[in-house]
Amino acid sequence: SDVLIENYKHGTMERWGLGYEGVLREENPGLIYASITGFGSTGPYAQLPGYDTVMEAMGGLMSITGEPEGEPVM
């Protein structure tokens, strides 16, 4: 493959032995490696998953859903 796109939490591919700096670059030095994460690879939230419900909650969307006096509803 010439292009690899992964969408796991930061560090998952490395734990599996499939990080770019390891086996993959050695196997294919021209590999285009794209990593898509919810919060990037550095910073305080880098290890958090980027699920839809997490983004809705952090963005405040859940505060306007559901019944007026009830719990938020997705």
Protein backbone atom coordinates (compact mmCIF):
# COMPACT_ATOMS: atom_id res chain seq x y z
CA SER A 1 0.00 0.00 0.00
CA ASP A 2 1.17 3.55 -0.70
CA VAL A 3 -1.22 5.30 1.67
CA LEU A 4 -2.35 4.32 5.18
CA ILE A 5 -5.07 6.26 6.99
CA GLU A 6 -5.77 5.39 10.62
CA ASN A 7 -8.36 6.74 13.03
CA TYR A 8 -7.40 5.42 16.46
CA LYS A 9 -6.55 7.14 19.71
CA HIS A 10 -3.02 8.53 19.68
CA GLY A 11 -0.45 5.78 20.31
CA THR A 12 -2.66 2.80 19.43
CA MET A 13 -0.84 1.91 16.21
CA GLU A 14 2.51 2.15 18.02
CA ARG A 15 1.29 -0.22 20.75
CA TRP A 16 0.35 -2.68 18.01
CA GLY A 17 3.81 -2.36 16.46
CA LEU A 18 2.43 -0.54 13.42
CA GLY A 19 3.60 3.04 14.00
CA TYR A 20 5.15 4.93 11.12
CA GLU A 21 8.59 5.19 12.74
CA GLY A 22 8.79 1.43 13.21
CA VAL A 23 8.08 -1.38 10.81
CA LEU A 24 5.97 0.56 8.34
CA ARG A 25 8.62 3.10 7.32
CA GLU A 26 11.24 0.38 7.05
CA GLU A 27 8.92 -1.71 4.87
CA ASN A 28 7.88 1.20 2.64
CA PRO A 29 9.93 4.44 2.97
CA GLY A 30 7.56 6.22 0.57
CA LEU A 31 4.46 5.40 2.59
CA ILE A 32 2.04 8.26 3.15
CA TYR A 33 0.81 7.82 6.73
CA ALA A 34 -2.22 9.86 7.81
CA SER A 35 -3.37 9.77 11.41
CA ILE A 36 -6.78 11.24 12.20
CA THR A 37 -7.54 11.80 15.89
CA GLY A 38 -10.17 13.73 17.78
CA PHE A 39 -7.69 15.87 19.70
CA GLY A 40 -4.37 15.63 17.85
CA SER A 41 -1.18 13.88 18.90
CA THR A 42 -0.03 16.34 21.58
CA GLY A 43 -1.66 18.33 24.33
CA PRO A 44 -3.77 17.57 27.38
CA TYR A 45 -6.54 15.75 25.48
CA ALA A 46 -4.36 13.73 23.07
CA GLN A 47 -5.17 10.41 24.77
CA LEU A 48 -8.95 10.94 24.74
CA PRO A 49 -11.15 9.29 22.13
CA GLY A 50 -12.86 11.59 19.64
CA TYR A 51 -16.33 10.03 19.73
CA ASP A 52 -19.40 11.96 18.63
CA THR A 53 -20.86 12.04 22.14
CA VAL A 54 -17.61 13.42 23.57
CA MET A 55 -17.58 16.24 21.01
CA GLU A 56 -21.27 17.03 21.59
CA ALA A 57 -20.75 17.21 25.34
CA MET A 58 -17.58 19.30 25.16
CA GLY A 59 -19.14 21.63 22.60
CA GLY A 60 -22.25 22.23 24.71
CA LEU A 61 -24.67 20.64 22.25
CA MET A 62 -25.95 18.16 24.83
CA SER A 63 -27.02 21.01 27.10
CA ILE A 64 -29.75 21.98 24.62
CA THR A 65 -31.16 18.51 23.94
CA GLY A 66 -33.81 16.54 25.82
CA GLU A 67 -36.60 17.74 28.05
CA PRO A 68 -36.25 21.20 29.69
CA GLU A 69 -35.95 19.82 33.23
CA GLY A 70 -34.53 16.40 32.30
CA GLU A 71 -31.16 14.86 31.51
CA PRO A 72 -29.42 15.53 28.19
CA VAL A 73 -30.46 13.22 25.37
CA MET A 74 -28.37 12.23 22.44
